[in-house]
Amino acid sequence: IQKLEPSSFTKLSLIPPSLGPTIAPLPHRHHNHGTPYGDHNPLTLPTPPASRSPRLSLSPPPCVLARSLAHLRFFSSFSSPPPGPAKCYRYCKNKPYPKSRYCRGVPDPKIRIYDAGKKRAAVDEYPTTVHLVSDEKEQLSAEALEAARVACNKYLVKSGGKDSYHIRIRAHPFHVLRINKMLSCAGADRLQTGMRGAFGKPQGLAARVNIGQTIISVRSKDSNKHNLIEALRRASYKFPGRQKIFVSRNWGFTKYTKDEYKALRAAGKLIDDGSHVKYLANKGPIEA
């Protein structure tokens, strides 16, 4: 590089001309010429006309932008990919794979709240119960359970108020889902090994449900029964497969029918135990 005279540079140069051979900032493509630099020397930047104020453009050349985007796409492929389609995790194909000292690095489940509404309501306050029951043997992801809880809770808050019901999620996600991460970018064939060592890494959690297993239960007053059915119908759209909605014959979350509950309560055989009751059997110490 031949030494350039300081007079050939403008005030836009970022390096003082006293430092010897200097390369000025590269200009943009000129619209009147076919080359990126027009008719000018790449090492010099001509002085702009006096009518225009000198302005420094900080945007990099297009080739630099393209190279940066390619690097960004390549390195972002190493991050955790989104979960695959539901058909990959819907069926109970393998044995249960819970979190253990051998299965480490399992992410936390998306659903963290299993009871919503007025969960401290006494057992006598909410006699009507509606259940959402699975009609297939399948796996329900923790994301689907959380989405169903949010949808059910939102409708009941809007229709009856936040203290007019009690939701309980009955299915818990303990089964660990795995994924064999594959790179899908340029040059990935040099990094991935296909089916060699295909046992995947923990990726999420799911609940394994059987036919006839209850997924969600909601209790409320008799006047709110139609809202419970509609809330569970909306929640069922968050799950794959088929579900059925049943109106229970039992009192609340207890195991006694409404007639049995009234008779046992009148006989003094039941004591409250949160949202359930305890039965006082004819055994134990004799009371004076």
C-alpha atoms as a PDB file:
ATOM      1  CA  ILE A   1       0.000   0.000   0.000  1.00  0.00           C
ATOM      2  CA  GLN A   2       1.538   3.251  -1.021  1.00  0.00           C
ATOM      3  CA  LYS A   3       1.559   6.079   1.422  1.00  0.00           C
ATOM      4  CA  LEU A   4      -1.258   8.509   0.770  1.00  0.00           C
ATOM      5  CA  GLU A   5      -1.083  12.219   1.248  1.00  0.00           C
ATOM      6  CA  PRO A   6      -3.123  13.605   4.139  1.00  0.00           C
ATOM      7  CA  SER A   7      -4.815  16.026   1.784  1.00  0.00           C
ATOM      8  CA  SER A   8      -6.558  13.179  -0.046  1.00  0.00           C
ATOM      9  CA  PHE A   9      -8.602  12.285   3.069  1.00  0.00           C
ATOM     10  CA  THR A  10     -11.656  14.005   4.375  1.00  0.00           C
ATOM     11  CA  LYS A  11     -12.668  14.630   7.951  1.00  0.00           C
ATOM     12  CA  LEU A  12     -14.622  11.363   7.803  1.00  0.00           C
ATOM     13  CA  SER A  13     -11.503   9.247   8.214  1.00  0.00           C
ATOM     14  CA  LEU A  14     -11.514   7.467  11.558  1.00  0.00           C
ATOM     15  CA  ILE A  15      -7.671   7.110  11.703  1.00  0.00           C
ATOM     16  CA  PRO A  16      -5.405  10.195  11.868  1.00  0.00           C
ATOM     17  CA  PRO A  17      -3.354  10.612   8.725  1.00  0.00           C
ATOM     18  CA  SER A  18      -0.209  10.927  10.841  1.00  0.00           C
ATOM     19  CA  LEU A  19      -0.202   7.164  11.504  1.00  0.00           C
ATOM     20  CA  GLY A  20       1.302   6.312   8.125  1.00  0.00           C
ATOM     21  CA  PRO A  21      -0.524   4.154   5.565  1.00  0.00           C
ATOM     22  CA  THR A  22      -4.202   4.577   6.236  1.00  0.00           C
ATOM     23  CA  ILE A  23      -7.281   2.910   4.749  1.00  0.00           C
ATOM     24  CA  ALA A  24     -10.305   5.174   4.632  1.00  0.00           C
ATOM     25  CA  PRO A  25     -13.889   3.913   5.167  1.00  0.00           C
ATOM     26  CA  LEU A  26     -15.264   2.175   2.101  1.00  0.00           C
ATOM     27  CA  PRO A  27     -17.972   4.054   0.225  1.00  0.00           C
ATOM     28  CA  HIS A  28     -21.356   2.630  -0.775  1.00  0.00           C
ATOM     29  CA  ARG A  29     -22.128   1.345  -4.243  1.00  0.00           C
ATOM     30  CA  HIS A  30     -22.490   4.278  -6.607  1.00  0.00           C
ATOM     31  CA  HIS A  31     -25.641   4.239  -8.666  1.00  0.00           C
ATOM     32  CA  ASN A  32     -23.914   5.527 -11.803  1.00  0.00           C
ATOM     33  CA  HIS A  33     -21.176   2.889 -12.001  1.00  0.00           C
ATOM     34  CA  GLY A  34     -21.029  -0.869 -12.185  1.00  0.00           C
ATOM     35  CA  THR A  35     -18.373  -1.416  -9.529  1.00  0.00           C
ATOM     36  CA  PRO A  36     -18.894  -0.993  -5.794  1.00  0.00           C
ATOM     37  CA  TYR A  37     -16.487   1.918  -5.743  1.00  0.00           C
ATOM     38  CA  GLY A  38     -17.320   3.611  -9.008  1.00  0.00           C
ATOM     39  CA  ASP A  39     -14.324   5.190 -10.630  1.00  0.00           C
ATOM     40  CA  HIS A  40     -12.578   5.953  -7.345  1.00  0.00           C
ATOM     41  CA  ASN A  41      -9.605   4.314  -5.713  1.00  0.00           C
ATOM     42  CA  PRO A  42     -10.836   1.924  -2.939  1.00  0.00           C
ATOM     43  CA  LEU A  43      -8.256   3.337  -0.572  1.00  0.00           C
ATOM     44  CA  THR A  44      -9.427   6.923  -0.822  1.00  0.00           C
ATOM     45  CA  LEU A  45     -12.671   8.694  -0.244  1.00  0.00           C
ATOM     46  CA  PRO A  46     -13.121  11.799  -2.370  1.00  0.00           C
ATOM     47  CA  THR A  47     -14.180  14.999  -0.736  1.00  0.00           C
ATOM     48  CA  PRO A  48     -17.957  15.475  -1.009  1.00  0.00           C
ATOM     49  CA  PRO A  49     -19.301  18.514  -2.823  1.00  0.00           C
ATOM     50  CA  ALA A  50     -19.480  21.743  -0.868  1.00  0.00           C
ATOM     51  CA  SER A  51     -23.255  21.852  -1.247  1.00  0.00           C
ATOM     52  CA  ARG A  52     -23.624  18.648   0.777  1.00  0.00           C
ATOM     53  CA  SER A  53     -22.629  18.242   4.365  1.00  0.00           C
ATOM     54  CA  PRO A  54     -20.270  15.305   4.957  1.00  0.00           C
ATOM     55  CA  ARG A  55     -22.035  12.371   6.546  1.00  0.00           C
ATOM     56  CA  LEU A  56     -20.633   9.090   7.842  1.00  0.00           C
ATOM     57  CA  SER A  57     -22.692   5.969   7.084  1.00  0.00           C
ATOM     58  CA  LEU A  58     -22.280   3.258   9.706  1.00  0.00           C
ATOM     59  CA  SER A  59     -24.172   0.504   7.832  1.00  0.00           C
ATOM     60  CA  PRO A  60     -21.872  -2.423   6.895  1.00  0.00           C
ATOM     61  CA  PRO A  61     -21.587  -3.737   3.350  1.00  0.00           C
ATOM     62  CA  PRO A  62     -24.199  -6.322   2.248  1.00  0.00           C
ATOM     63  CA  CYS A  63     -21.623  -9.146   2.204  1.00  0.00           C
ATOM     64  CA  VAL A  64     -20.855  -8.551   5.899  1.00  0.00           C
ATOM     65  CA  LEU A  65     -24.560  -8.607   6.789  1.00  0.00           C
ATOM     66  CA  ALA A  66     -25.106 -11.868   4.906  1.00  0.00           C
ATOM     67  CA  ARG A  67     -22.160 -13.508   6.639  1.00  0.00           C
ATOM     68  CA  SER A  68     -23.372 -12.368  10.075  1.00  0.00           C
ATOM     69  CA  LEU A  69     -26.872 -13.730   9.483  1.00  0.00           C
ATOM     70  CA  ALA A  70     -25.445 -17.072   8.362  1.00  0.00           C
ATOM     71  CA  HIS A  71     -23.386 -17.331  11.549  1.00  0.00           C
ATOM     72  CA  LEU A  72     -26.419 -16.386  13.653  1.00  0.00           C
ATOM     73  CA  ARG A  73     -28.551 -19.103  12.067  1.00  0.00           C
ATOM     74  CA  PHE A  74     -25.795 -21.668  12.540  1.00  0.00           C
ATOM     75  CA  PHE A  75     -25.154 -21.035  16.226  1.00  0.00           C
ATOM     76  CA  SER A  76     -28.850 -20.612  17.093  1.00  0.00           C
ATOM     77  CA  SER A  77     -29.403 -24.187  15.931  1.00  0.00           C
ATOM     78  CA  PHE A  78     -27.543 -25.427  19.027  1.00  0.00           C
ATOM     79  CA  SER A  79     -30.171 -23.952  21.364  1.00  0.00           C
ATOM     80  CA  SER A  80     -33.123 -26.012  22.615  1.00  0.00           C
ATOM     81  CA  PRO A  81     -35.511 -26.605  19.718  1.00  0.00           C
ATOM     82  CA  PRO A  82     -39.265 -26.264  20.129  1.00  0.00           C
ATOM     83  CA  PRO A  83     -41.185 -29.470  20.861  1.00  0.00           C
ATOM     84  CA  GLY A  84     -42.147 -31.526  17.855  1.00  0.00           C
ATOM     85  CA  PRO A  85     -45.694 -32.246  16.696  1.00  0.00           C
ATOM     86  CA  ALA A  86     -48.068 -33.936  19.126  1.00  0.00           C
ATOM     87  CA  LYS A  87     -47.956 -37.194  17.167  1.00  0.00           C
ATOM     88  CA  CYS A  88     -44.392 -37.679  18.448  1.00  0.00           C
ATOM     89  CA  TYR A  89     -45.435 -37.640  22.118  1.00  0.00           C
ATOM     90  CA  ARG A  90     -49.128 -38.510  22.148  1.00  0.00           C
ATOM     91  CA  TYR A  91     -49.062 -42.298  22.375  1.00  0.00           C
ATOM     92  CA  CYS A  92     -47.957 -44.430  25.345  1.00  0.00           C
ATOM     93  CA  LYS A  93     -45.426 -46.414  23.342  1.00  0.00           C
ATOM     94  CA  ASN A  94     -42.679 -46.934  25.900  1.00  0.00           C
ATOM     95  CA  LYS A  95     -42.349 -47.605  29.592  1.00  0.00           C
ATOM     96  CA  PRO A  96     -42.824 -44.771  32.079  1.00  0.00           C
ATOM     97  CA  TYR A  97     -39.623 -42.708  32.296  1.00  0.00           C
ATOM     98  CA  PRO A  98     -39.815 -40.579  35.467  1.00  0.00           C
ATOM     99  CA  LYS A  99     -37.252 -38.157  36.782  1.00  0.00           C
ATOM    100  CA  SER A 100     -34.624 -39.935  38.883  1.00  0.00           C
ATOM    101  CA  ARG A 101     -30.950 -39.846  39.775  1.00  0.00           C
ATOM    102  CA  TYR A 102     -30.291 -41.568  36.436  1.00  0.00           C
ATOM    103  CA  CYS A 103     -32.531 -39.235  34.435  1.00  0.00           C
ATOM    104  CA  ARG A 104     -31.114 -35.805  35.214  1.00  0.00           C
ATOM    105  CA  GLY A 105     -31.505 -32.394  33.654  1.00  0.00           C
ATOM    106  CA  VAL A 106     -35.294 -32.625  33.388  1.00  0.00           C
ATOM    107  CA  PRO A 107     -36.975 -29.220  32.838  1.00  0.00           C
ATOM    108  CA  ASP A 108     -39.678 -28.050  35.226  1.00  0.00           C
ATOM    109  CA  PRO A 109     -43.267 -28.742  34.156  1.00  0.00           C
ATOM    110  CA  LYS A 110     -45.227 -25.853  32.685  1.00  0.00           C
ATOM    111  CA  ILE A 111     -48.138 -26.478  35.029  1.00  0.00           C
ATOM    112  CA  ARG A 112     -47.334 -25.499  38.603  1.00  0.00           C
ATOM    113  CA  ILE A 113     -50.865 -24.893  39.984  1.00  0.00           C
ATOM    114  CA  TYR A 114     -53.225 -27.854  40.302  1.00  0.00           C
ATOM    115  CA  ASP A 115     -55.998 -26.206  42.348  1.00  0.00           C
ATOM    116  CA  ALA A 116     -57.684 -22.943  41.384  1.00  0.00           C
ATOM    117  CA  GLY A 117     -60.676 -20.960  42.509  1.00  0.00           C
ATOM    118  CA  LYS A 118     -62.036 -21.148  46.059  1.00  0.00           C
ATOM    119  CA  LYS A 119     -60.040 -24.224  47.038  1.00  0.00           C
ATOM    120  CA  ARG A 120     -60.612 -23.697  50.766  1.00  0.00           C
ATOM    121  CA  ALA A 121     -64.402 -23.886  50.412  1.00  0.00           C
ATOM    122  CA  ALA A 122     -66.061 -26.244  52.877  1.00  0.00           C
ATOM    123  CA  VAL A 123     -67.359 -29.557  51.631  1.00  0.00           C
ATOM    124  CA  ASP A 124     -70.987 -28.529  52.230  1.00  0.00           C
ATOM    125  CA  GLU A 125     -70.650 -25.365  50.119  1.00  0.00           C
ATOM    126  CA  TYR A 126     -70.189 -27.001  46.684  1.00  0.00           C
ATOM    127  CA  PRO A 127     -72.336 -30.127  46.205  1.00  0.00           C
ATOM    128  CA  THR A 128     -72.198 -30.348  42.367  1.00  0.00           C
ATOM    129  CA  THR A 129     -69.196 -31.838  40.586  1.00  0.00           C
ATOM    130  CA  VAL A 130     -68.410 -32.224  36.865  1.00  0.00           C
ATOM    131  CA  HIS A 131     -65.508 -34.312  35.528  1.00  0.00           C
ATOM    132  CA  LEU A 132     -63.535 -34.246  32.278  1.00  0.00           C
ATOM    133  CA  VAL A 133     -62.667 -37.903  31.574  1.00  0.00           C
ATOM    134  CA  SER A 134     -60.201 -39.253  29.039  1.00  0.00           C
ATOM    135  CA  ASP A 135     -61.591 -41.669  26.441  1.00  0.00           C
ATOM    136  CA  GLU A 136     -58.170 -42.720  25.118  1.00  0.00           C
ATOM    137  CA  LYS A 137     -54.932 -44.146  26.466  1.00  0.00           C
ATOM    138  CA  GLU A 138     -52.467 -41.379  25.658  1.00  0.00           C
ATOM    139  CA  GLN A 139     -49.987 -38.852  26.996  1.00  0.00           C
ATOM    140  CA  LEU A 140     -50.968 -35.277  27.826  1.00  0.00           C
ATOM    141  CA  SER A 141     -48.102 -32.791  27.899  1.00  0.00           C
ATOM    142  CA  ALA A 142     -47.601 -30.384  30.775  1.00  0.00           C
ATOM    143  CA  GLU A 143     -48.166 -27.515  28.310  1.00  0.00           C
ATOM    144  CA  ALA A 144     -51.585 -28.920  27.377  1.00  0.00           C
ATOM    145  CA  LEU A 145     -52.573 -29.348  31.028  1.00  0.00           C
ATOM    146  CA  GLU A 146     -51.596 -25.752  31.782  1.00  0.00           C
ATOM    147  CA  ALA A 147     -53.484 -24.449  28.743  1.00  0.00           C
ATOM    148  CA  ALA A 148     -56.607 -26.389  29.776  1.00  0.00           C
ATOM    149  CA  ARG A 149     -56.411 -25.075  33.336  1.00  0.00           C
ATOM    150  CA  VAL A 150     -56.110 -21.484  32.098  1.00  0.00           C
ATOM    151  CA  ALA A 151     -59.030 -21.866  29.678  1.00  0.00           C
ATOM    152  CA  CYS A 152     -61.304 -23.457  32.286  1.00  0.00           C
ATOM    153  CA  ASN A 153     -60.381 -20.955  34.981  1.00  0.00           C
ATOM    154  CA  LYS A 154     -60.830 -17.961  32.694  1.00  0.00           C
ATOM    155  CA  TYR A 155     -64.343 -18.938  31.649  1.00  0.00           C
ATOM    156  CA  LEU A 156     -65.498 -19.646  35.215  1.00  0.00           C
ATOM    157  CA  VAL A 157     -64.106 -16.329  36.481  1.00  0.00           C
ATOM    158  CA  LYS A 158     -65.933 -14.507  33.693  1.00  0.00           C
ATOM    159  CA  SER A 159     -69.233 -16.359  34.112  1.00  0.00           C
ATOM    160  CA  GLY A 160     -69.597 -16.804  37.861  1.00  0.00           C
ATOM    161  CA  GLY A 161     -66.819 -14.975  39.694  1.00  0.00           C
ATOM    162  CA  LYS A 162     -63.520 -16.148  41.129  1.00  0.00           C
ATOM    163  CA  ASP A 163     -65.068 -17.501  44.352  1.00  0.00           C
ATOM    164  CA  SER A 164     -67.842 -19.594  42.822  1.00  0.00           C
ATOM    165  CA  TYR A 165     -65.948 -22.810  41.984  1.00  0.00           C
ATOM    166  CA  HIS A 166     -63.007 -25.051  42.764  1.00  0.00           C
ATOM    167  CA  ILE A 167     -60.914 -26.586  39.943  1.00  0.00           C
ATOM    168  CA  ARG A 168     -58.628 -29.556  40.552  1.00  0.00           C
ATOM    169  CA  ILE A 169     -56.246 -30.946  37.938  1.00  0.00           C
ATOM    170  CA  ARG A 170     -56.220 -34.708  38.534  1.00  0.00           C
ATOM    171  CA  ALA A 171     -53.488 -35.726  36.049  1.00  0.00           C
ATOM    172  CA  HIS A 172     -49.868 -34.972  36.962  1.00  0.00           C
ATOM    173  CA  PRO A 173     -47.026 -34.941  34.415  1.00  0.00           C
ATOM    174  CA  PHE A 174     -44.285 -37.301  35.650  1.00  0.00           C
ATOM    175  CA  HIS A 175     -43.268 -38.980  32.374  1.00  0.00           C
ATOM    176  CA  VAL A 176     -40.122 -37.433  30.853  1.00  0.00           C
ATOM    177  CA  LEU A 177     -40.173 -36.805  27.101  1.00  0.00           C
ATOM    178  CA  ARG A 178     -36.936 -37.122  25.154  1.00  0.00           C
ATOM    179  CA  ILE A 179     -35.705 -35.561  21.922  1.00  0.00           C
ATOM    180  CA  ASN A 180     -32.716 -36.407  19.734  1.00  0.00           C
ATOM    181  CA  LYS A 181     -31.530 -32.971  18.674  1.00  0.00           C
ATOM    182  CA  MET A 182     -30.605 -32.795  14.988  1.00  0.00           C
ATOM    183  CA  LEU A 183     -28.987 -29.772  13.373  1.00  0.00           C
ATOM    184  CA  SER A 184     -30.848 -28.427  10.351  1.00  0.00           C
ATOM    185  CA  CYS A 185     -28.448 -25.879   8.917  1.00  0.00           C
ATOM    186  CA  ALA A 186     -25.664 -25.644   6.370  1.00  0.00           C
ATOM    187  CA  GLY A 187     -22.732 -27.828   7.268  1.00  0.00           C
ATOM    188  CA  ALA A 188     -24.719 -29.852   9.787  1.00  0.00           C
ATOM    189  CA  ASP A 189     -23.816 -33.134   8.058  1.00  0.00           C
ATOM    190  CA  ARG A 190     -20.314 -32.815   9.503  1.00  0.00           C
ATOM    191  CA  LEU A 191     -21.628 -32.531  13.068  1.00  0.00           C
ATOM    192  CA  GLN A 192     -24.557 -34.926  13.442  1.00  0.00           C
ATOM    193  CA  THR A 193     -24.249 -38.695  13.420  1.00  0.00           C
ATOM    194  CA  GLY A 194     -27.749 -39.812  12.405  1.00  0.00           C
ATOM    195  CA  MET A 195     -29.002 -42.882  14.262  1.00  0.00           C
ATOM    196  CA  ARG A 196     -25.788 -43.492  16.202  1.00  0.00           C
ATOM    197  CA  GLY A 197     -26.456 -42.780  19.876  1.00  0.00           C
ATOM    198  CA  ALA A 198     -30.095 -41.829  19.229  1.00  0.00           C
ATOM    199  CA  PHE A 199     -31.214 -41.921  22.872  1.00  0.00           C
ATOM    200  CA  GLY A 200     -32.463 -38.370  23.303  1.00  0.00           C
ATOM    201  CA  LYS A 201     -32.076 -35.787  26.025  1.00  0.00           C
ATOM    202  CA  PRO A 202     -34.935 -34.731  28.380  1.00  0.00           C
ATOM    203  CA  GLN A 203     -37.133 -32.222  26.619  1.00  0.00           C
ATOM    204  CA  GLY A 204     -40.424 -31.976  28.546  1.00  0.00           C
ATOM    205  CA  LEU A 205     -42.953 -33.740  30.757  1.00  0.00           C
ATOM    206  CA  ALA A 206     -46.253 -35.478  30.112  1.00  0.00           C
ATOM    207  CA  ALA A 207     -49.011 -37.227  32.060  1.00  0.00           C
ATOM    208  CA  ARG A 208     -49.965 -40.779  31.049  1.00  0.00           C
ATOM    209  CA  VAL A 209     -53.749 -41.254  31.213  1.00  0.00           C
ATOM    210  CA  ASN A 210     -55.896 -44.315  30.636  1.00  0.00           C
ATOM    211  CA  ILE A 211     -59.421 -44.751  29.326  1.00  0.00           C
ATOM    212  CA  GLY A 212     -61.853 -43.592  31.990  1.00  0.00           C
ATOM    213  CA  GLN A 213     -59.278 -41.622  33.985  1.00  0.00           C
ATOM    214  CA  THR A 214     -60.363 -38.215  35.253  1.00  0.00           C
ATOM    215  CA  ILE A 215     -58.284 -35.299  33.974  1.00  0.00           C
ATOM    216  CA  ILE A 216     -60.039 -32.277  35.529  1.00  0.00           C
ATOM    217  CA  SER A 217     -62.705 -32.036  38.227  1.00  0.00           C
ATOM    218  CA  VAL A 218     -64.699 -28.906  39.093  1.00  0.00           C
ATOM    219  CA  ARG A 219     -67.124 -28.460  42.001  1.00  0.00           C
ATOM    220  CA  SER A 220     -69.595 -25.645  42.547  1.00  0.00           C
ATOM    221  CA  LYS A 221     -73.201 -24.933  43.442  1.00  0.00           C
ATOM    222  CA  ASP A 222     -76.152 -26.533  41.677  1.00  0.00           C
ATOM    223  CA  SER A 223     -77.067 -23.277  39.951  1.00  0.00           C
ATOM    224  CA  ASN A 224     -73.618 -23.141  38.309  1.00  0.00           C
ATOM    225  CA  LYS A 225     -73.705 -26.582  36.690  1.00  0.00           C
ATOM    226  CA  HIS A 226     -74.131 -25.353  33.105  1.00  0.00           C
ATOM    227  CA  ASN A 227     -71.084 -23.094  33.472  1.00  0.00           C
ATOM    228  CA  LEU A 228     -68.982 -26.018  34.702  1.00  0.00           C
ATOM    229  CA  ILE A 229     -69.922 -28.080  31.663  1.00  0.00           C
ATOM    230  CA  GLU A 230     -69.096 -25.255  29.258  1.00  0.00           C
ATOM    231  CA  ALA A 231     -65.761 -24.569  30.973  1.00  0.00           C
ATOM    232  CA  LEU A 232     -64.699 -28.211  30.682  1.00  0.00           C
ATOM    233  CA  ARG A 233     -65.855 -28.308  27.060  1.00  0.00           C
ATOM    234  CA  ARG A 234     -63.518 -25.412  26.286  1.00  0.00           C
ATOM    235  CA  ALA A 235     -60.703 -27.030  28.217  1.00  0.00           C
ATOM    236  CA  SER A 236     -61.078 -30.259  26.229  1.00  0.00           C
ATOM    237  CA  TYR A 237     -59.974 -28.455  23.051  1.00  0.00           C
ATOM    238  CA  LYS A 238     -56.472 -28.143  24.544  1.00  0.00           C
ATOM    239  CA  PHE A 239     -56.007 -31.932  24.587  1.00  0.00           C
ATOM    240  CA  PRO A 240     -55.489 -34.426  21.767  1.00  0.00           C
ATOM    241  CA  GLY A 241     -57.790 -37.394  21.420  1.00  0.00           C
ATOM    242  CA  ARG A 242     -61.295 -37.678  22.792  1.00  0.00           C
ATOM    243  CA  GLN A 243     -62.662 -36.699  26.182  1.00  0.00           C
ATOM    244  CA  LYS A 244     -66.091 -36.998  27.779  1.00  0.00           C
ATOM    245  CA  ILE A 245     -67.824 -34.772  30.326  1.00  0.00           C
ATOM    246  CA  PHE A 246     -69.701 -36.399  33.220  1.00  0.00           C
ATOM    247  CA  VAL A 247     -71.919 -34.821  35.850  1.00  0.00           C
ATOM    248  CA  SER A 248     -71.157 -36.707  39.045  1.00  0.00           C
ATOM    249  CA  ARG A 249     -73.788 -38.255  41.301  1.00  0.00           C
ATOM    250  CA  ASN A 250     -71.543 -37.768  44.310  1.00  0.00           C
ATOM    251  CA  TRP A 251     -71.477 -34.857  46.709  1.00  0.00           C
ATOM    252  CA  GLY A 252     -68.552 -32.613  45.764  1.00  0.00           C
ATOM    253  CA  PHE A 253     -65.227 -34.444  45.688  1.00  0.00           C
ATOM    254  CA  THR A 254     -66.374 -37.077  48.196  1.00  0.00           C
ATOM    255  CA  LYS A 255     -67.054 -40.774  47.477  1.00  0.00           C
ATOM    256  CA  TYR A 256     -70.644 -40.651  48.753  1.00  0.00           C
ATOM    257  CA  THR A 257     -73.701 -39.994  46.619  1.00  0.00           C
ATOM    258  CA  LYS A 258     -75.839 -37.022  47.508  1.00  0.00           C
ATOM    259  CA  ASP A 259     -78.478 -39.154  49.263  1.00  0.00           C
ATOM    260  CA  GLU A 260     -75.837 -41.087  51.215  1.00  0.00           C
ATOM    261  CA  TYR A 261     -74.066 -37.884  52.154  1.00  0.00           C
ATOM    262  CA  LYS A 262     -77.231 -36.297  53.539  1.00  0.00           C
ATOM    263  CA  ALA A 263     -78.088 -39.405  55.544  1.00  0.00           C
ATOM    264  CA  LEU A 264     -74.588 -39.804  56.997  1.00  0.00           C
ATOM    265  CA  ARG A 265     -74.362 -36.098  57.770  1.00  0.00           C
ATOM    266  CA  ALA A 266     -77.695 -36.221  59.605  1.00  0.00           C
ATOM    267  CA  ALA A 267     -76.507 -39.258  61.586  1.00  0.00           C
ATOM    268  CA  GLY A 268     -73.324 -37.464  62.621  1.00  0.00           C
ATOM    269  CA  LYS A 269     -71.073 -40.006  60.906  1.00  0.00           C
ATOM    270  CA  LEU A 270     -69.076 -37.474  58.876  1.00  0.00           C
ATOM    271  CA  ILE A 271     -66.522 -34.874  59.886  1.00  0.00           C
ATOM    272  CA  ASP A 272     -65.068 -32.245  57.582  1.00  0.00           C
ATOM    273  CA  ASP A 273     -61.617 -32.817  56.119  1.00  0.00           C
ATOM    274  CA  GLY A 274     -60.981 -29.928  53.736  1.00  0.00           C
ATOM    275  CA  SER A 275     -62.803 -30.574  50.462  1.00  0.00           C
ATOM    276  CA  HIS A 276     -63.446 -34.173  51.600  1.00  0.00           C
ATOM    277  CA  VAL A 277     -65.000 -35.853  54.643  1.00  0.00           C
ATOM    278  CA  LYS A 278     -63.952 -38.577  57.058  1.00  0.00           C
ATOM    279  CA  TYR A 279     -66.288 -41.382  58.051  1.00  0.00           C
ATOM    280  CA  LEU A 280     -66.628 -42.203  61.738  1.00  0.00           C
ATOM    281  CA  ALA A 281     -66.807 -46.006  61.925  1.00  0.00           C
ATOM    282  CA  ASN A 282     -68.223 -47.989  64.879  1.00  0.00           C
ATOM    283  CA  LYS A 283     -64.860 -48.729  66.423  1.00  0.00           C
ATOM    284  CA  GLY A 284     -62.406 -47.048  68.734  1.00  0.00           C
ATOM    285  CA  PRO A 285     -62.642 -45.941  72.346  1.00  0.00           C
ATOM    286  CA  ILE A 286     -66.077 -45.853  73.965  1.00  0.00           C
ATOM    287  CA  GLU A 287     -67.159 -42.349  74.753  1.00  0.00           C
ATOM    288  CA  ALA A 288     -68.627 -41.735  78.190  1.00  0.00           C
END
